[in-house]
Protein backbone atom coordinates (compact mmCIF):
# COMPACT_ATOMS: atom_id res chain seq x y z
CA MET A 1 -89.27 57.44 79.80
CA ALA A 2 -89.01 53.84 78.59
CA ALA A 3 -86.44 53.08 75.93
CA PRO A 4 -87.83 52.42 72.44
CA LEU A 5 -88.24 48.82 71.37
CA VAL A 6 -85.20 47.23 69.76
CA GLN A 7 -85.74 46.45 66.09
CA ILE A 8 -82.80 44.11 65.44
CA GLN A 9 -83.52 40.46 66.17
CA PRO A 10 -80.72 37.91 66.48
CA SER A 11 -80.33 35.47 63.64
CA VAL A 12 -80.59 31.74 64.22
CA ALA A 13 -77.16 30.13 64.64
CA PRO A 14 -75.80 26.66 65.38
CA ALA A 15 -75.29 25.58 68.99
CA GLU A 16 -71.57 26.15 68.71
CA PRO A 17 -70.34 28.20 65.74
CA ALA A 18 -67.19 26.74 64.26
CA ARG A 19 -65.34 29.81 63.04
CA LYS A 20 -64.47 32.99 64.90
CA PRO A 21 -65.76 36.00 62.93
CA SER A 22 -63.27 38.46 61.46
CA TRP A 23 -64.32 41.22 63.88
CA LEU A 24 -63.01 39.15 66.82
CA LYS A 25 -59.48 38.77 65.48
CA VAL A 26 -56.84 40.79 67.34
CA LYS A 27 -53.13 41.33 66.93
CA ALA A 28 -50.92 39.12 69.12
CA PRO A 29 -49.39 41.04 72.05
CA GLY A 30 -45.69 41.80 72.13
CA GLY A 31 -44.95 45.54 72.02
CA PRO A 32 -42.32 47.17 74.25
CA ASN A 33 -44.77 48.43 76.88
CA TYR A 34 -46.45 45.02 77.00
CA LEU A 35 -43.14 43.25 77.63
CA ALA A 36 -42.01 45.79 80.24
CA LEU A 37 -45.31 45.52 82.08
CA LYS A 38 -45.17 41.72 82.01
CA HIS A 39 -41.70 41.78 83.59
CA MET A 40 -42.80 44.29 86.23
CA MET A 41 -45.81 42.17 87.22
CA ARG A 42 -43.57 39.15 87.72
CA ASP A 43 -40.93 41.13 89.62
CA LEU A 44 -43.56 42.48 92.02
CA LYS A 45 -45.34 39.10 92.26
CA LEU A 46 -48.64 40.59 91.11
CA HIS A 47 -51.44 38.99 89.13
CA THR A 48 -53.64 40.53 86.45
CA VAL A 49 -57.04 39.40 85.29
CA CYS A 50 -55.83 40.35 81.81
CA GLU A 51 -53.59 37.27 81.85
CA GLU A 52 -55.60 34.94 84.08
CA ALA A 53 -58.86 35.40 82.15
CA HIS A 54 -57.15 35.28 78.72
CA CYS A 55 -58.46 38.74 77.80
CA PRO A 56 -58.27 39.37 74.03
CA ASN A 57 -57.42 43.04 74.60
CA ILE A 58 -54.28 42.49 76.65
CA GLY A 59 -51.94 43.68 73.90
CA GLU A 60 -53.84 46.92 73.29
CA CYS A 61 -54.40 47.75 76.96
CA TRP A 62 -50.89 46.93 78.13
CA GLU A 63 -49.38 48.99 75.34
CA HIS A 64 -51.41 51.89 76.83
CA LYS A 65 -50.03 50.95 80.28
CA ALA A 66 -53.49 49.94 81.46
CA ALA A 67 -53.93 46.71 83.41
CA THR A 68 -56.51 45.26 85.77
CA PHE A 69 -54.78 44.06 88.91
CA MET A 70 -56.12 40.86 90.46
CA ILE A 71 -55.64 40.65 94.22
CA LEU A 72 -56.20 37.90 96.81
CA GLY A 73 -54.19 35.37 94.81
CA ASP A 74 -54.87 33.64 91.51
CA VAL A 75 -57.00 30.69 92.68
CA CYS A 76 -60.76 31.15 92.96
CA THR A 77 -63.01 29.31 95.41
CA ARG A 78 -65.76 29.18 92.76
CA ASN A 79 -65.88 27.47 89.39
CA CYS A 80 -67.89 29.54 86.93
CA ALA A 81 -68.46 27.67 83.69
CA TYR A 82 -67.31 30.53 81.45
CA CYS A 83 -64.22 31.71 83.37
CA ALA A 84 -60.57 30.82 82.69
CA VAL A 85 -59.30 31.70 86.19
CA ALA A 86 -58.06 28.64 88.12
CA HIS A 87 -60.26 27.30 90.91
CA GLY A 88 -59.47 25.29 94.02
CA THR A 89 -58.03 25.99 97.46
CA PRO A 90 -56.32 29.42 97.61
CA LEU A 91 -53.08 30.18 99.40
CA PRO A 92 -53.14 32.27 102.62
CA LEU A 93 -53.45 36.05 102.24
CA ASP A 94 -50.32 37.98 101.28
CA ALA A 95 -49.93 40.93 103.67
CA GLY A 96 -47.51 42.71 101.32
CA GLU A 97 -49.82 42.70 98.30
CA PRO A 98 -51.34 46.21 98.79
CA ARG A 99 -47.86 47.74 99.08
CA ARG A 100 -46.59 45.98 95.95
CA LEU A 101 -49.70 46.99 94.04
CA GLY A 102 -49.06 50.59 95.10
CA ASP A 103 -45.48 50.22 93.81
CA ALA A 104 -46.76 49.08 90.42
CA VAL A 105 -49.30 51.90 90.13
CA ALA A 106 -46.63 54.47 91.06
CA GLN A 107 -44.10 53.02 88.58
CA MET A 108 -46.68 53.08 85.80
CA GLY A 109 -47.92 56.55 86.75
CA LEU A 110 -51.51 55.47 86.22
CA LYS A 111 -54.34 58.00 86.20
CA HIS A 112 -56.99 55.29 86.54
CA VAL A 113 -56.55 51.94 88.32
CA VAL A 114 -58.79 48.88 88.15
CA ILE A 115 -58.57 46.30 90.95
CA THR A 116 -60.43 43.00 90.93
CA SER A 117 -60.06 39.67 92.70
CA VAL A 118 -60.84 36.01 92.69
CA ASP A 119 -63.73 34.91 94.90
CA ARG A 120 -62.49 34.15 98.41
CA ASP A 121 -65.44 32.44 100.06
CA ASP A 122 -62.95 30.97 102.55
CA LEU A 123 -62.51 34.39 104.22
CA PRO A 124 -65.02 35.94 106.68
CA ASN A 125 -65.45 39.12 104.60
CA GLY A 126 -64.34 37.66 101.29
CA GLY A 127 -61.18 39.78 101.25
CA ALA A 128 -62.97 43.15 101.52
CA GLU A 129 -60.29 44.46 103.90
CA VAL A 130 -57.61 43.86 101.25
CA PHE A 131 -59.59 45.86 98.69
CA ALA A 132 -59.77 48.70 101.22
CA ALA A 133 -56.03 48.47 101.95
CA CYS A 134 -55.19 48.62 98.23
CA ILE A 135 -57.38 51.70 97.75
CA ALA A 136 -55.72 53.40 100.75
CA GLU A 137 -52.23 52.59 99.44
CA ILE A 138 -52.96 54.10 96.04
CA ARG A 139 -54.58 57.17 97.59
CA ARG A 140 -51.47 57.68 99.75
CA ARG A 141 -49.09 57.55 96.80
CA LEU A 142 -51.17 59.03 93.98
CA PRO A 143 -54.09 61.00 95.44
CA GLU A 144 -55.22 62.21 92.00
CA THR A 145 -55.50 58.70 90.56
CA SER A 146 -59.05 57.39 90.24
CA VAL A 147 -59.67 53.88 91.58
CA GLU A 148 -62.16 51.36 90.20
CA VAL A 149 -62.86 48.11 92.03
CA LEU A 150 -64.48 45.07 90.43
CA ILE A 151 -65.64 43.13 93.46
CA PRO A 152 -67.11 39.67 94.05
CA ASP A 153 -70.57 39.36 95.61
CA PHE A 154 -69.11 38.54 99.08
CA LYS A 155 -71.95 35.98 99.35
CA GLY A 156 -74.27 38.89 100.09
CA ASN A 157 -72.34 39.93 103.22
CA PRO A 158 -73.39 43.57 103.91
CA ASP A 159 -70.43 44.18 106.23
CA ALA A 160 -67.97 43.29 103.47
CA LEU A 161 -69.63 45.71 101.05
CA ARG A 162 -69.59 48.46 103.69
CA ILE A 163 -65.82 47.99 104.14
CA VAL A 164 -65.19 48.51 100.42
CA VAL A 165 -67.59 51.44 100.02
CA ALA A 166 -66.13 53.15 103.12
CA ALA A 167 -62.71 53.11 101.42
CA ARG A 168 -64.28 55.42 98.81
CA PRO A 169 -63.40 53.97 95.43
CA ASP A 170 -64.39 56.16 92.50
CA ILE A 171 -66.22 53.31 90.75
CA LEU A 172 -67.65 50.12 92.23
CA ASN A 173 -68.21 47.35 89.71
CA HIS A 174 -69.85 43.96 90.10
CA ASN A 175 -70.60 42.06 86.92
CA LEU A 176 -74.02 40.52 86.48
CA GLU A 177 -72.43 38.46 83.65
CA THR A 178 -75.55 36.70 82.35
CA ILE A 179 -79.34 36.41 82.51
CA ALA A 180 -81.26 34.92 85.44
CA ARG A 181 -82.12 31.66 83.67
CA LEU A 182 -78.47 30.77 83.02
CA TYR A 183 -77.09 31.51 86.50
CA ARG A 184 -77.44 27.93 87.75
CA ILE A 185 -75.43 26.66 84.77
CA ALA A 186 -72.94 29.45 84.16
CA ARG A 187 -72.45 30.90 87.63
CA PRO A 188 -73.53 28.26 90.18
CA GLY A 189 -71.83 29.99 93.13
CA GLY A 190 -73.61 33.27 92.42
CA ARG A 191 -77.21 34.45 92.56
CA TYR A 192 -78.77 36.80 90.01
CA HIS A 193 -80.81 38.82 92.48
CA ARG A 194 -77.95 38.90 94.98
CA ALA A 195 -75.79 40.62 92.35
CA LEU A 196 -78.48 43.23 91.72
CA GLU A 197 -79.00 43.78 95.44
CA LEU A 198 -75.26 44.36 95.97
CA LEU A 199 -75.20 47.07 93.30
CA GLU A 200 -78.33 48.73 94.67
CA ARG A 201 -77.03 48.58 98.25
CA ALA A 202 -73.72 50.18 97.21
CA LYS A 203 -75.65 53.13 95.83
CA GLU A 204 -77.64 53.39 99.07
CA LEU A 205 -74.42 53.45 101.11
CA ASN A 206 -72.95 56.21 98.94
CA PRO A 207 -75.32 57.88 96.43
CA ASP A 208 -72.37 59.70 94.81
CA LEU A 209 -70.53 56.46 94.03
CA LEU A 210 -70.47 55.48 90.36
CA THR A 211 -71.63 51.88 89.98
CA LYS A 212 -70.93 49.63 87.05
CA SER A 213 -71.77 46.15 85.78
CA GLY A 214 -71.16 43.94 82.77
CA ILE A 215 -72.88 41.29 80.68
CA ILE A 216 -71.32 38.70 78.38
CA CYS A 217 -73.34 37.61 75.35
CA GLY A 218 -73.40 34.23 73.66
CA LEU A 219 -73.94 31.86 76.57
CA GLY A 220 -77.40 30.82 75.35
CA GLU A 221 -79.56 33.77 76.35
CA ASP A 222 -82.46 35.00 74.22
CA TRP A 223 -82.43 38.57 72.96
CA ASP A 224 -85.43 39.54 75.08
CA GLU A 225 -83.79 38.03 78.18
CA LEU A 226 -80.76 40.20 77.53
CA LEU A 227 -82.92 43.30 77.45
CA VAL A 228 -84.57 42.26 80.74
CA ALA A 229 -81.13 41.99 82.38
CA MET A 230 -80.25 45.46 81.13
CA ARG A 231 -83.48 46.85 82.56
CA ASP A 232 -82.84 45.09 85.88
CA LEU A 233 -79.40 46.70 86.12
CA ARG A 234 -80.78 50.14 85.40
CA ALA A 235 -83.50 49.59 88.02
CA ALA A 236 -80.65 48.90 90.46
CA GLN A 237 -79.34 52.42 89.61
CA VAL A 238 -76.22 51.16 87.82
CA ASP A 239 -74.45 54.01 86.00
CA ILE A 240 -72.07 52.27 83.58
CA LEU A 241 -72.71 49.08 81.61
CA THR A 242 -70.32 46.96 79.55
CA ILE A 243 -71.50 44.34 77.05
CA GLY A 244 -69.21 41.95 75.18
CA GLN A 245 -68.99 38.63 73.38
CA TYR A 246 -68.30 35.41 75.29
CA LEU A 247 -65.14 33.67 74.10
CA ARG A 248 -64.74 30.06 75.24
CA PRO A 249 -61.46 29.67 77.17
CA SER A 250 -61.20 25.88 76.60
CA ASP A 251 -63.15 22.76 75.70
CA GLN A 252 -63.95 22.34 79.40
CA HIS A 253 -65.97 25.57 79.48
CA LEU A 254 -69.47 26.35 78.26
CA PRO A 255 -69.77 26.32 74.47
CA ILE A 256 -70.47 29.51 72.55
CA ALA A 257 -74.16 29.59 71.65
CA ARG A 258 -73.68 32.18 68.91
CA TRP A 259 -71.71 35.20 67.78
CA TYR A 260 -73.30 38.63 68.13
CA THR A 261 -72.61 41.03 65.27
CA PRO A 262 -71.19 44.55 65.65
CA ASP A 263 -74.58 45.91 64.55
CA GLU A 264 -76.30 44.03 67.38
CA PHE A 265 -73.82 45.39 69.91
CA ALA A 266 -74.45 48.89 68.56
CA GLU A 267 -78.20 48.33 69.01
CA LEU A 268 -77.66 47.15 72.60
CA LYS A 269 -75.68 50.33 73.29
CA ARG A 270 -78.49 52.46 71.85
CA TYR A 271 -81.06 50.61 73.93
CA GLY A 272 -78.96 50.94 77.09
CA MET A 273 -78.48 54.68 76.65
CA GLY A 274 -82.23 54.95 76.17
CA LEU A 275 -82.73 53.25 79.52
CA GLY A 276 -80.71 55.99 81.20
CA PHE A 277 -77.25 54.53 81.79
CA ARG A 278 -74.61 57.26 81.94
CA HIS A 279 -72.38 55.24 79.62
CA VAL A 280 -72.64 51.94 77.75
CA GLU A 281 -69.53 50.28 76.31
CA SER A 282 -70.83 47.61 73.91
CA GLY A 283 -68.88 45.64 71.33
CA PRO A 284 -67.59 42.18 70.46
CA LEU A 285 -64.26 42.63 72.25
CA VAL A 286 -65.53 44.72 75.16
CA ARG A 287 -64.60 43.47 78.62
CA SER A 288 -65.38 44.96 82.00
CA SER A 289 -62.21 47.06 82.12
CA TYR A 290 -61.83 47.73 78.40
CA HIS A 291 -60.97 51.43 77.97
CA ALA A 292 -62.00 51.90 81.61
CA TRP A 293 -60.27 55.28 81.73
CA GLU A 294 -62.49 56.51 78.88
CA GLN A 295 -65.62 55.07 80.53
CA VAL A 296 -64.94 57.22 83.61
CA GLU A 297 -64.64 60.36 81.50
CA ALA A 298 -67.81 59.56 79.56
CA ALA A 299 -69.83 58.86 82.71
CA THR A 300 -68.74 62.02 84.53
CA ARG A 301 -69.27 64.58 81.74
């Protein structure tokens, strides 16, 4: 059954709003768990997307001992116009990274782990083998821990996707990020339909695999275009959807077209659940891994 039409329409806003709304203000990080986790990451020479992408939720998540590990280095071969992660020529692969990541997961005693990476278009399979090695290392140490991977598109390489799916993560995530019209500007190294095909193919390879994707709002999309992207993701059999507000990392990144209100995010969640997603996490501060452990529980009830 088709979801009912959305009633809320976005208000007209200036090209780049000057002030950050009150609902986007968060407490500065600095609690004891945050500081301990920061030291551990440096000691083990690990990277987190929480830090590299300037995530606004880092204080809250790290206090709950939840972090999204970023493998394959901290330099991306692509240069997305909304992303704070450094781009350029990456260093060679680090063979000890899966073991050190396993050490961190064991020390933290995590029940749910999220692993992502930079894009590594310089590698034949985009680093898929390292994703698989990290999953295997965690399974060996903590077999009851659920593993979520947030993967790049591997330039549409089906062999790379097969390697990751064969390692049997509990959730496979690839973020659509934005609408089709803005891909050339916001995500020039990616392709809108390639992202959808990856998610659909993952489900074909393992129908029991939970798939997930995310959209960031405020890059210049129209409301109706946002709804089309949501419908496209559901047509690709995606189970879990996250929707959040774009926050400009620096003056060198795309400007913020407008702020979405909490009521609009609530309406997007209602619309998404009507489309048939198992779970929709929608809010101004929502990021792909925000409360990921709760998303798993909600999607598997």
